[in-house]
Amino acid sequence: MKESLRKMPSILKPIGMGLIFGLLLLTSCVSNKKFLYIQDKGNVKMDSSEHIIVQPYNYKIQIGDILYISLLSEDDKLNKLFVPSAQGQAMVGGGLGSPYYFTGFTVDPLGFVELPYVGKVKVSGLDLDAARNVLSEQLAKYFKVFFLQVKMAEFRFSILGAVNAPGQFFFQQNKVSILDAILRAGDLRDNAVRNEVQLYRQYPEGVKMIKLDLTDRSIMNSPYWYMQPNDLVYIIPLKTRTVGDFSSFERSLATLVPIINTFFLVVNTYVLFKAISQ
């Protein structure tokens, strides 16, 4: 490369040096701050013990939700009516999705869930503890001793856009942070816009879109830090990409080195042709 610079015409030397300098600048000065999650930007709220304040997760049951309701009483035959069947468990094991679509208790369009013996009980708009209390009051009319569990049977969310493994995912737990969800989708790609993540959340009135900044640690203070069932997360890809993706040193070299090599090949050809013509 040095020999090529020495032989090239004086008018082309500044161009060659500029290309080399530009390569070094691009591969050494690109900041990685836009690729880092939950950075401390000085606006995160903490308590007196310097713990980050996270808002409590308190999901309200909505129409269409599927509940896991388990009853233990002195009547074994009745208990079996509240326990998901082995056939349903086999379905999820076979990769056909959540078994509770077939065996759980679905909240109907009016907000009611229908139980054996008890009938229909309205649970929409209640959190899980309140729903369990309401159902327990109804069951107490028929049973003296029983134990009741009420949980979200199907925690489903979708992630698409600039992630490595987009799709629909299921969790069998109540609290899932947005970073847990992104990890399930194989993490974000290098061209993902991390400070304008779009979260689409369902409410009884409709769907609301919220923009989240994953690079700011204060997202943990947000009511949207925890995912909710049926959430949709869309990761926006960068609108434009200059000469390649400069998110890493290797990709910058892989993109620009061939351009530099082509430039010097043209220069060498020009110098050789000029030497022969003389």
C-alpha atoms as a PDB file:
ATOM      1  CA  MET A   1       0.000   0.000   0.000  1.00  0.00           C
ATOM      2  CA  LYS A   2       2.871   2.390   0.822  1.00  0.00           C
ATOM      3  CA  GLU A   3       4.537   1.597  -2.526  1.00  0.00           C
ATOM      4  CA  SER A   4       1.297   2.368  -4.322  1.00  0.00           C
ATOM      5  CA  LEU A   5       1.021   5.717  -2.586  1.00  0.00           C
ATOM      6  CA  ARG A   6       4.616   6.594  -3.549  1.00  0.00           C
ATOM      7  CA  LYS A   7       4.066   5.830  -7.213  1.00  0.00           C
ATOM      8  CA  MET A   8       0.606   7.323  -7.695  1.00  0.00           C
ATOM      9  CA  PRO A   9       0.238  10.787  -9.269  1.00  0.00           C
ATOM     10  CA  SER A  10       0.332  13.708  -6.839  1.00  0.00           C
ATOM     11  CA  ILE A  11      -3.299  14.595  -7.570  1.00  0.00           C
ATOM     12  CA  LEU A  12      -4.437  11.152  -6.360  1.00  0.00           C
ATOM     13  CA  LYS A  13      -2.319  11.024  -3.215  1.00  0.00           C
ATOM     14  CA  PRO A  14      -4.683  13.187  -1.131  1.00  0.00           C
ATOM     15  CA  ILE A  15      -7.575  10.946  -2.182  1.00  0.00           C
ATOM     16  CA  GLY A  16      -5.730   7.791  -1.161  1.00  0.00           C
ATOM     17  CA  MET A  17      -4.646   9.244   2.165  1.00  0.00           C
ATOM     18  CA  GLY A  18      -8.189  10.478   2.761  1.00  0.00           C
ATOM     19  CA  LEU A  19      -9.609   7.010   2.215  1.00  0.00           C
ATOM     20  CA  ILE A  20      -7.133   5.464   4.616  1.00  0.00           C
ATOM     21  CA  PHE A  21      -7.787   8.138   7.230  1.00  0.00           C
ATOM     22  CA  GLY A  22     -11.545   7.688   6.807  1.00  0.00           C
ATOM     23  CA  LEU A  23     -11.242   3.931   7.321  1.00  0.00           C
ATOM     24  CA  LEU A  24      -9.302   4.411  10.542  1.00  0.00           C
ATOM     25  CA  LEU A  25     -11.754   7.045  11.743  1.00  0.00           C
ATOM     26  CA  LEU A  26     -14.838   4.926  11.091  1.00  0.00           C
ATOM     27  CA  THR A  27     -13.438   1.826  12.755  1.00  0.00           C
ATOM     28  CA  SER A  28     -12.081   3.546  15.842  1.00  0.00           C
ATOM     29  CA  CYS A  29     -14.445   6.402  16.650  1.00  0.00           C
ATOM     30  CA  VAL A  30     -17.901   4.827  16.330  1.00  0.00           C
ATOM     31  CA  SER A  31     -19.559   5.009  19.756  1.00  0.00           C
ATOM     32  CA  ASN A  32     -21.219   1.897  21.089  1.00  0.00           C
ATOM     33  CA  LYS A  33     -23.549   3.764  23.450  1.00  0.00           C
ATOM     34  CA  LYS A  34     -26.522   3.347  21.148  1.00  0.00           C
ATOM     35  CA  PHE A  35     -26.071  -0.435  21.342  1.00  0.00           C
ATOM     36  CA  LEU A  36     -25.920  -0.741  25.153  1.00  0.00           C
ATOM     37  CA  TYR A  37     -28.996  -1.621  27.216  1.00  0.00           C
ATOM     38  CA  ILE A  38     -30.180   0.135  30.418  1.00  0.00           C
ATOM     39  CA  GLN A  39     -27.437   2.755  30.695  1.00  0.00           C
ATOM     40  CA  ASP A  40     -27.402   5.070  33.684  1.00  0.00           C
ATOM     41  CA  LYS A  41     -28.405   8.425  32.186  1.00  0.00           C
ATOM     42  CA  GLY A  42     -28.908  10.077  35.556  1.00  0.00           C
ATOM     43  CA  ASN A  43     -32.714   9.956  35.630  1.00  0.00           C
ATOM     44  CA  VAL A  44     -33.437   6.572  37.202  1.00  0.00           C
ATOM     45  CA  LYS A  45     -35.486   6.670  40.427  1.00  0.00           C
ATOM     46  CA  MET A  46     -34.104   4.810  43.457  1.00  0.00           C
ATOM     47  CA  ASP A  47     -35.197   4.364  47.054  1.00  0.00           C
ATOM     48  CA  SER A  48     -33.154   5.259  50.133  1.00  0.00           C
ATOM     49  CA  SER A  49     -31.268   1.953  49.866  1.00  0.00           C
ATOM     50  CA  GLU A  50     -30.329   2.694  46.238  1.00  0.00           C
ATOM     51  CA  HIS A  51     -32.629   0.017  44.870  1.00  0.00           C
ATOM     52  CA  ILE A  52     -34.227   0.846  41.538  1.00  0.00           C
ATOM     53  CA  ILE A  53     -37.931   1.517  42.053  1.00  0.00           C
ATOM     54  CA  VAL A  54     -39.952  -0.937  39.966  1.00  0.00           C
ATOM     55  CA  GLN A  55     -43.698  -0.522  39.776  1.00  0.00           C
ATOM     56  CA  PRO A  56     -45.650  -3.539  41.038  1.00  0.00           C
ATOM     57  CA  TYR A  57     -47.061  -5.862  38.437  1.00  0.00           C
ATOM     58  CA  ASN A  58     -50.843  -6.005  38.748  1.00  0.00           C
ATOM     59  CA  TYR A  59     -52.471  -7.340  35.596  1.00  0.00           C
ATOM     60  CA  LYS A  60     -56.227  -6.972  35.206  1.00  0.00           C
ATOM     61  CA  ILE A  61     -58.043  -9.885  33.610  1.00  0.00           C
ATOM     62  CA  GLN A  62     -59.436  -9.100  30.166  1.00  0.00           C
ATOM     63  CA  ILE A  63     -61.953 -10.626  27.792  1.00  0.00           C
ATOM     64  CA  GLY A  64     -60.419 -13.564  25.944  1.00  0.00           C
ATOM     65  CA  ASP A  65     -57.871 -14.402  28.645  1.00  0.00           C
ATOM     66  CA  ILE A  66     -57.429 -18.057  29.560  1.00  0.00           C
ATOM     67  CA  LEU A  67     -57.254 -18.848  33.271  1.00  0.00           C
ATOM     68  CA  TYR A  68     -55.806 -21.814  35.080  1.00  0.00           C
ATOM     69  CA  ILE A  69     -58.256 -22.657  37.869  1.00  0.00           C
ATOM     70  CA  SER A  70     -57.430 -25.538  40.188  1.00  0.00           C
ATOM     71  CA  LEU A  71     -59.752 -26.758  42.935  1.00  0.00           C
ATOM     72  CA  LEU A  72     -58.847 -29.197  45.704  1.00  0.00           C
ATOM     73  CA  SER A  73     -61.754 -30.447  47.780  1.00  0.00           C
ATOM     74  CA  GLU A  74     -62.970 -33.628  49.468  1.00  0.00           C
ATOM     75  CA  ASP A  75     -64.692 -34.691  46.246  1.00  0.00           C
ATOM     76  CA  ASP A  76     -62.101 -36.275  43.918  1.00  0.00           C
ATOM     77  CA  LYS A  77     -64.523 -36.442  41.012  1.00  0.00           C
ATOM     78  CA  LEU A  78     -65.131 -32.711  41.221  1.00  0.00           C
ATOM     79  CA  ASN A  79     -61.419 -31.975  41.516  1.00  0.00           C
ATOM     80  CA  LYS A  80     -60.782 -33.596  38.148  1.00  0.00           C
ATOM     81  CA  LEU A  81     -63.109 -31.096  36.483  1.00  0.00           C
ATOM     82  CA  PHE A  82     -60.740 -28.279  37.498  1.00  0.00           C
ATOM     83  CA  VAL A  83     -57.462 -29.935  36.554  1.00  0.00           C
ATOM     84  CA  PRO A  84     -56.128 -29.803  32.943  1.00  0.00           C
ATOM     85  CA  SER A  85     -56.233 -33.181  31.282  1.00  0.00           C
ATOM     86  CA  ALA A  86     -53.172 -35.235  30.395  1.00  0.00           C
ATOM     87  CA  GLN A  87     -54.199 -34.970  26.733  1.00  0.00           C
ATOM     88  CA  GLY A  88     -53.810 -31.196  26.870  1.00  0.00           C
ATOM     89  CA  GLN A  89     -50.392 -31.500  28.482  1.00  0.00           C
ATOM     90  CA  ALA A  90     -49.321 -33.849  25.691  1.00  0.00           C
ATOM     91  CA  MET A  91     -50.322 -31.269  23.095  1.00  0.00           C
ATOM     92  CA  VAL A  92     -47.968 -28.628  24.443  1.00  0.00           C
ATOM     93  CA  GLY A  93     -45.234 -31.240  24.662  1.00  0.00           C
ATOM     94  CA  GLY A  94     -45.754 -31.919  20.981  1.00  0.00           C
ATOM     95  CA  GLY A  95     -45.187 -28.263  20.102  1.00  0.00           C
ATOM     96  CA  LEU A  96     -48.826 -27.432  19.380  1.00  0.00           C
ATOM     97  CA  GLY A  97     -48.926 -24.434  21.710  1.00  0.00           C
ATOM     98  CA  SER A  98     -50.467 -23.948  25.119  1.00  0.00           C
ATOM     99  CA  PRO A  99     -52.610 -26.850  26.379  1.00  0.00           C
ATOM    100  CA  TYR A 100     -54.855 -24.460  28.257  1.00  0.00           C
ATOM    101  CA  TYR A 101     -56.549 -23.332  25.045  1.00  0.00           C
ATOM    102  CA  PHE A 102     -58.412 -26.649  25.302  1.00  0.00           C
ATOM    103  CA  THR A 103     -58.453 -27.260  29.045  1.00  0.00           C
ATOM    104  CA  GLY A 104     -58.361 -23.808  30.672  1.00  0.00           C
ATOM    105  CA  PHE A 105     -61.240 -21.478  31.490  1.00  0.00           C
ATOM    106  CA  THR A 106     -61.700 -18.709  28.911  1.00  0.00           C
ATOM    107  CA  VAL A 107     -63.153 -15.323  29.833  1.00  0.00           C
ATOM    108  CA  ASP A 108     -66.133 -14.848  27.521  1.00  0.00           C
ATOM    109  CA  PRO A 109     -67.015 -11.639  25.577  1.00  0.00           C
ATOM    110  CA  LEU A 110     -69.055 -10.374  28.543  1.00  0.00           C
ATOM    111  CA  GLY A 111     -66.203 -10.874  31.008  1.00  0.00           C
ATOM    112  CA  PHE A 112     -67.534 -14.048  32.649  1.00  0.00           C
ATOM    113  CA  VAL A 113     -65.853 -17.372  33.289  1.00  0.00           C
ATOM    114  CA  GLU A 114     -68.028 -20.481  33.625  1.00  0.00           C
ATOM    115  CA  LEU A 115     -67.194 -23.071  36.288  1.00  0.00           C
ATOM    116  CA  PRO A 116     -68.717 -26.486  36.989  1.00  0.00           C
ATOM    117  CA  TYR A 117     -71.545 -26.370  39.559  1.00  0.00           C
ATOM    118  CA  VAL A 118     -71.037 -22.638  40.156  1.00  0.00           C
ATOM    119  CA  GLY A 119     -71.933 -21.356  36.709  1.00  0.00           C
ATOM    120  CA  LYS A 120     -70.838 -17.990  35.330  1.00  0.00           C
ATOM    121  CA  VAL A 121     -68.857 -15.527  37.432  1.00  0.00           C
ATOM    122  CA  LYS A 122     -67.635 -12.143  36.193  1.00  0.00           C
ATOM    123  CA  VAL A 123     -63.871 -11.730  36.531  1.00  0.00           C
ATOM    124  CA  SER A 124     -62.883  -9.197  33.845  1.00  0.00           C
ATOM    125  CA  GLY A 125     -61.302  -6.067  35.284  1.00  0.00           C
ATOM    126  CA  LEU A 126     -60.098  -7.931  38.403  1.00  0.00           C
ATOM    127  CA  ASP A 127     -56.547  -8.909  39.260  1.00  0.00           C
ATOM    128  CA  LEU A 128     -55.825 -12.562  40.019  1.00  0.00           C
ATOM    129  CA  ASP A 129     -56.173 -12.202  43.803  1.00  0.00           C
ATOM    130  CA  ALA A 130     -59.512 -10.449  43.489  1.00  0.00           C
ATOM    131  CA  ALA A 131     -60.750 -13.050  40.989  1.00  0.00           C
ATOM    132  CA  ARG A 132     -59.762 -15.859  43.356  1.00  0.00           C
ATOM    133  CA  ASN A 133     -61.691 -14.176  46.186  1.00  0.00           C
ATOM    134  CA  VAL A 134     -64.810 -13.774  44.049  1.00  0.00           C
ATOM    135  CA  LEU A 135     -64.683 -17.400  42.899  1.00  0.00           C
ATOM    136  CA  SER A 136     -64.028 -18.602  46.446  1.00  0.00           C
ATOM    137  CA  GLU A 137     -67.167 -16.835  47.658  1.00  0.00           C
ATOM    138  CA  GLN A 138     -69.216 -18.717  45.085  1.00  0.00           C
ATOM    139  CA  LEU A 139     -67.571 -22.073  45.799  1.00  0.00           C
ATOM    140  CA  ALA A 140     -68.120 -21.625  49.537  1.00  0.00           C
ATOM    141  CA  LYS A 141     -71.851 -22.016  48.884  1.00  0.00           C
ATOM    142  CA  TYR A 142     -71.244 -25.633  47.847  1.00  0.00           C
ATOM    143  CA  PHE A 143     -68.113 -26.766  49.716  1.00  0.00           C
ATOM    144  CA  LYS A 144     -67.015 -26.319  53.309  1.00  0.00           C
ATOM    145  CA  VAL A 145     -63.340 -27.113  52.799  1.00  0.00           C
ATOM    146  CA  PHE A 146     -61.471 -26.444  49.586  1.00  0.00           C
ATOM    147  CA  PHE A 147     -58.333 -24.861  48.193  1.00  0.00           C
ATOM    148  CA  LEU A 148     -58.514 -22.731  45.040  1.00  0.00           C
ATOM    149  CA  GLN A 149     -55.747 -21.526  42.718  1.00  0.00           C
ATOM    150  CA  VAL A 150     -56.258 -18.934  39.969  1.00  0.00           C
ATOM    151  CA  LYS A 151     -53.427 -18.083  37.571  1.00  0.00           C
ATOM    152  CA  MET A 152     -52.924 -16.831  34.049  1.00  0.00           C
ATOM    153  CA  ALA A 153     -52.844 -20.036  32.047  1.00  0.00           C
ATOM    154  CA  GLU A 154     -51.503 -18.527  28.852  1.00  0.00           C
ATOM    155  CA  PHE A 155     -48.910 -15.740  28.922  1.00  0.00           C
ATOM    156  CA  ARG A 156     -48.418 -15.105  25.228  1.00  0.00           C
ATOM    157  CA  PHE A 157     -46.656 -12.256  23.462  1.00  0.00           C
ATOM    158  CA  SER A 158     -45.202 -11.551  20.016  1.00  0.00           C
ATOM    159  CA  ILE A 159     -41.966  -9.880  18.902  1.00  0.00           C
ATOM    160  CA  LEU A 160     -41.127  -8.923  15.321  1.00  0.00           C
ATOM    161  CA  GLY A 161     -38.837  -6.583  13.452  1.00  0.00           C
ATOM    162  CA  ALA A 162     -35.070  -6.332  13.919  1.00  0.00           C
ATOM    163  CA  VAL A 163     -34.624  -9.341  16.218  1.00  0.00           C
ATOM    164  CA  ASN A 164     -32.727 -12.549  15.552  1.00  0.00           C
ATOM    165  CA  ALA A 165     -35.664 -14.895  16.138  1.00  0.00           C
ATOM    166  CA  PRO A 166     -39.043 -13.143  15.704  1.00  0.00           C
ATOM    167  CA  GLY A 167     -42.191 -14.999  16.603  1.00  0.00           C
ATOM    168  CA  GLN A 168     -44.882 -15.689  19.162  1.00  0.00           C
ATOM    169  CA  PHE A 169     -43.751 -16.868  22.577  1.00  0.00           C
ATOM    170  CA  PHE A 170     -45.297 -18.399  25.687  1.00  0.00           C
ATOM    171  CA  PHE A 171     -44.239 -17.968  29.305  1.00  0.00           C
ATOM    172  CA  GLN A 172     -45.486 -20.005  32.242  1.00  0.00           C
ATOM    173  CA  GLN A 173     -44.960 -17.273  34.803  1.00  0.00           C
ATOM    174  CA  ASN A 174     -46.727 -14.066  35.721  1.00  0.00           C
ATOM    175  CA  LYS A 175     -43.914 -11.490  35.599  1.00  0.00           C
ATOM    176  CA  VAL A 176     -41.789 -11.136  32.465  1.00  0.00           C
ATOM    177  CA  SER A 177     -39.693  -8.022  31.821  1.00  0.00           C
ATOM    178  CA  ILE A 178     -39.329  -6.625  28.323  1.00  0.00           C
ATOM    179  CA  LEU A 179     -35.648  -7.633  28.319  1.00  0.00           C
ATOM    180  CA  ASP A 180     -36.650 -11.204  29.198  1.00  0.00           C
ATOM    181  CA  ALA A 181     -39.000 -11.121  26.217  1.00  0.00           C
ATOM    182  CA  ILE A 182     -36.302  -9.781  23.875  1.00  0.00           C
ATOM    183  CA  LEU A 183     -33.882 -12.441  25.085  1.00  0.00           C
ATOM    184  CA  ARG A 184     -36.513 -15.059  24.171  1.00  0.00           C
ATOM    185  CA  ALA A 185     -36.475 -13.622  20.626  1.00  0.00           C
ATOM    186  CA  GLY A 186     -32.701 -14.102  20.310  1.00  0.00           C
ATOM    187  CA  ASP A 187     -31.769 -10.492  21.214  1.00  0.00           C
ATOM    188  CA  LEU A 188     -31.848  -7.465  18.921  1.00  0.00           C
ATOM    189  CA  ARG A 189     -29.944  -7.276  15.666  1.00  0.00           C
ATOM    190  CA  ASP A 190     -27.168  -4.722  15.203  1.00  0.00           C
ATOM    191  CA  ASN A 191     -29.395  -2.533  13.021  1.00  0.00           C
ATOM    192  CA  ALA A 192     -32.177  -2.316  15.633  1.00  0.00           C
ATOM    193  CA  VAL A 193     -33.280   1.074  16.944  1.00  0.00           C
ATOM    194  CA  ARG A 194     -33.032   0.516  20.700  1.00  0.00           C
ATOM    195  CA  ASN A 195     -34.320   3.873  21.891  1.00  0.00           C
ATOM    196  CA  GLU A 196     -37.684   3.757  20.060  1.00  0.00           C
ATOM    197  CA  VAL A 197     -39.029   0.273  20.679  1.00  0.00           C
ATOM    198  CA  GLN A 198     -42.756   0.081  19.964  1.00  0.00           C
ATOM    199  CA  LEU A 199     -44.941  -1.754  22.464  1.00  0.00           C
ATOM    200  CA  TYR A 200     -48.555  -2.440  21.444  1.00  0.00           C
ATOM    201  CA  ARG A 201     -50.693  -3.230  24.485  1.00  0.00           C
ATOM    202  CA  GLN A 202     -54.318  -4.282  24.642  1.00  0.00           C
ATOM    203  CA  TYR A 203     -56.784  -2.489  26.890  1.00  0.00           C
ATOM    204  CA  PRO A 204     -60.564  -2.904  27.181  1.00  0.00           C
ATOM    205  CA  GLU A 205     -60.906   0.307  25.155  1.00  0.00           C
ATOM    206  CA  GLY A 206     -58.522  -0.800  22.393  1.00  0.00           C
ATOM    207  CA  VAL A 207     -54.816  -1.075  21.589  1.00  0.00           C
ATOM    208  CA  LYS A 208     -52.297   1.538  22.713  1.00  0.00           C
ATOM    209  CA  MET A 209     -48.791   2.056  21.278  1.00  0.00           C
ATOM    210  CA  ILE A 210     -46.015   3.068  23.675  1.00  0.00           C
ATOM    211  CA  LYS A 211     -42.432   3.961  22.709  1.00  0.00           C
ATOM    212  CA  LEU A 212     -39.714   2.642  25.016  1.00  0.00           C
ATOM    213  CA  ASP A 213     -36.004   3.459  25.300  1.00  0.00           C
ATOM    214  CA  LEU A 214     -34.105   0.275  26.127  1.00  0.00           C
ATOM    215  CA  THR A 215     -30.834   2.209  26.433  1.00  0.00           C
ATOM    216  CA  ASP A 216     -32.108   4.137  29.477  1.00  0.00           C
ATOM    217  CA  ARG A 217     -32.088   2.451  32.883  1.00  0.00           C
ATOM    218  CA  SER A 218     -35.124   4.482  33.943  1.00  0.00           C
ATOM    219  CA  ILE A 219     -37.246   2.095  31.865  1.00  0.00           C
ATOM    220  CA  MET A 220     -37.301  -0.028  35.025  1.00  0.00           C
ATOM    221  CA  ASN A 221     -39.366   2.752  36.655  1.00  0.00           C
ATOM    222  CA  SER A 222     -41.876   2.539  33.821  1.00  0.00           C
ATOM    223  CA  PRO A 223     -45.242   0.750  34.090  1.00  0.00           C
ATOM    224  CA  TYR A 224     -44.230  -0.939  30.832  1.00  0.00           C
ATOM    225  CA  TRP A 225     -41.133  -2.652  32.226  1.00  0.00           C
ATOM    226  CA  TYR A 226     -43.170  -5.832  32.691  1.00  0.00           C
ATOM    227  CA  MET A 227     -44.858  -7.480  29.738  1.00  0.00           C
ATOM    228  CA  GLN A 228     -48.539  -8.338  29.758  1.00  0.00           C
ATOM    229  CA  PRO A 229     -50.383 -11.155  27.983  1.00  0.00           C
ATOM    230  CA  ASN A 230     -50.973 -10.480  24.273  1.00  0.00           C
ATOM    231  CA  ASP A 231     -48.387  -7.680  24.100  1.00  0.00           C
ATOM    232  CA  LEU A 232     -46.816  -7.051  20.704  1.00  0.00           C
ATOM    233  CA  VAL A 233     -43.283  -5.635  20.516  1.00  0.00           C
ATOM    234  CA  TYR A 234     -42.015  -4.211  17.237  1.00  0.00           C
ATOM    235  CA  ILE A 235     -38.306  -3.423  16.880  1.00  0.00           C
ATOM    236  CA  ILE A 236     -37.696  -0.775  14.225  1.00  0.00           C
ATOM    237  CA  PRO A 237     -34.699  -1.352  11.930  1.00  0.00           C
ATOM    238  CA  LEU A 238     -32.484   1.568  10.976  1.00  0.00           C
ATOM    239  CA  LYS A 239     -34.032   3.503   8.114  1.00  0.00           C
ATOM    240  CA  THR A 240     -30.774   3.982   6.219  1.00  0.00           C
ATOM    241  CA  ARG A 241     -27.482   2.180   6.178  1.00  0.00           C
ATOM    242  CA  THR A 242     -24.455   3.992   4.818  1.00  0.00           C
ATOM    243  CA  VAL A 243     -21.545   2.090   3.319  1.00  0.00           C
ATOM    244  CA  GLY A 244     -22.332  -1.070   5.218  1.00  0.00           C
ATOM    245  CA  ASP A 245     -23.175  -1.607   8.847  1.00  0.00           C
ATOM    246  CA  PHE A 246     -20.606   0.135  11.064  1.00  0.00           C
ATOM    247  CA  SER A 247     -21.814  -1.414  14.280  1.00  0.00           C
ATOM    248  CA  SER A 248     -18.588  -3.357  14.701  1.00  0.00           C
ATOM    249  CA  PHE A 249     -14.957  -3.133  13.712  1.00  0.00           C
ATOM    250  CA  GLU A 250     -15.091  -6.356  11.716  1.00  0.00           C
ATOM    251  CA  ARG A 251     -18.062  -5.297   9.604  1.00  0.00           C
ATOM    252  CA  SER A 252     -16.484  -1.938   8.852  1.00  0.00           C
ATOM    253  CA  LEU A 253     -13.329  -3.608   7.598  1.00  0.00           C
ATOM    254  CA  ALA A 254     -15.268  -6.191   5.631  1.00  0.00           C
ATOM    255  CA  THR A 255     -17.122  -3.385   3.845  1.00  0.00           C
ATOM    256  CA  LEU A 256     -14.412  -0.783   3.288  1.00  0.00           C
ATOM    257  CA  VAL A 257     -11.256  -2.812   2.699  1.00  0.00           C
ATOM    258  CA  PRO A 258     -12.486  -4.144  -0.680  1.00  0.00           C
ATOM    259  CA  ILE A 259     -13.233  -0.551  -1.699  1.00  0.00           C
ATOM    260  CA  ILE A 260      -9.722   0.564  -0.711  1.00  0.00           C
ATOM    261  CA  ASN A 261      -8.180  -2.417  -2.515  1.00  0.00           C
ATOM    262  CA  THR A 262     -10.160  -1.619  -5.654  1.00  0.00           C
ATOM    263  CA  PHE A 263      -8.995   1.993  -5.504  1.00  0.00           C
ATOM    264  CA  PHE A 264      -5.320   1.019  -5.325  1.00  0.00           C
ATOM    265  CA  LEU A 265      -5.781  -1.588  -8.052  1.00  0.00           C
ATOM    266  CA  VAL A 266      -7.049   1.162 -10.348  1.00  0.00           C
ATOM    267  CA  VAL A 267      -4.129   3.405  -9.340  1.00  0.00           C
ATOM    268  CA  ASN A 268      -1.555   0.653  -9.959  1.00  0.00           C
ATOM    269  CA  THR A 269      -3.087  -0.074 -13.340  1.00  0.00           C
ATOM    270  CA  TYR A 270      -2.901   3.621 -14.197  1.00  0.00           C
ATOM    271  CA  VAL A 271       0.751   3.897 -13.080  1.00  0.00           C
ATOM    272  CA  LEU A 272       1.694   0.747 -14.996  1.00  0.00           C
ATOM    273  CA  PHE A 273      -0.062   1.909 -18.132  1.00  0.00           C
ATOM    274  CA  LYS A 274       1.643   5.318 -17.919  1.00  0.00           C
ATOM    275  CA  ALA A 275       5.086   3.697 -17.420  1.00  0.00           C
ATOM    276  CA  ILE A 276       4.615   1.458 -20.468  1.00  0.00           C
ATOM    277  CA  SER A 277       3.399   4.319 -22.638  1.00  0.00           C
ATOM    278  CA  GLN A 278       6.549   6.334 -21.856  1.00  0.00           C
END
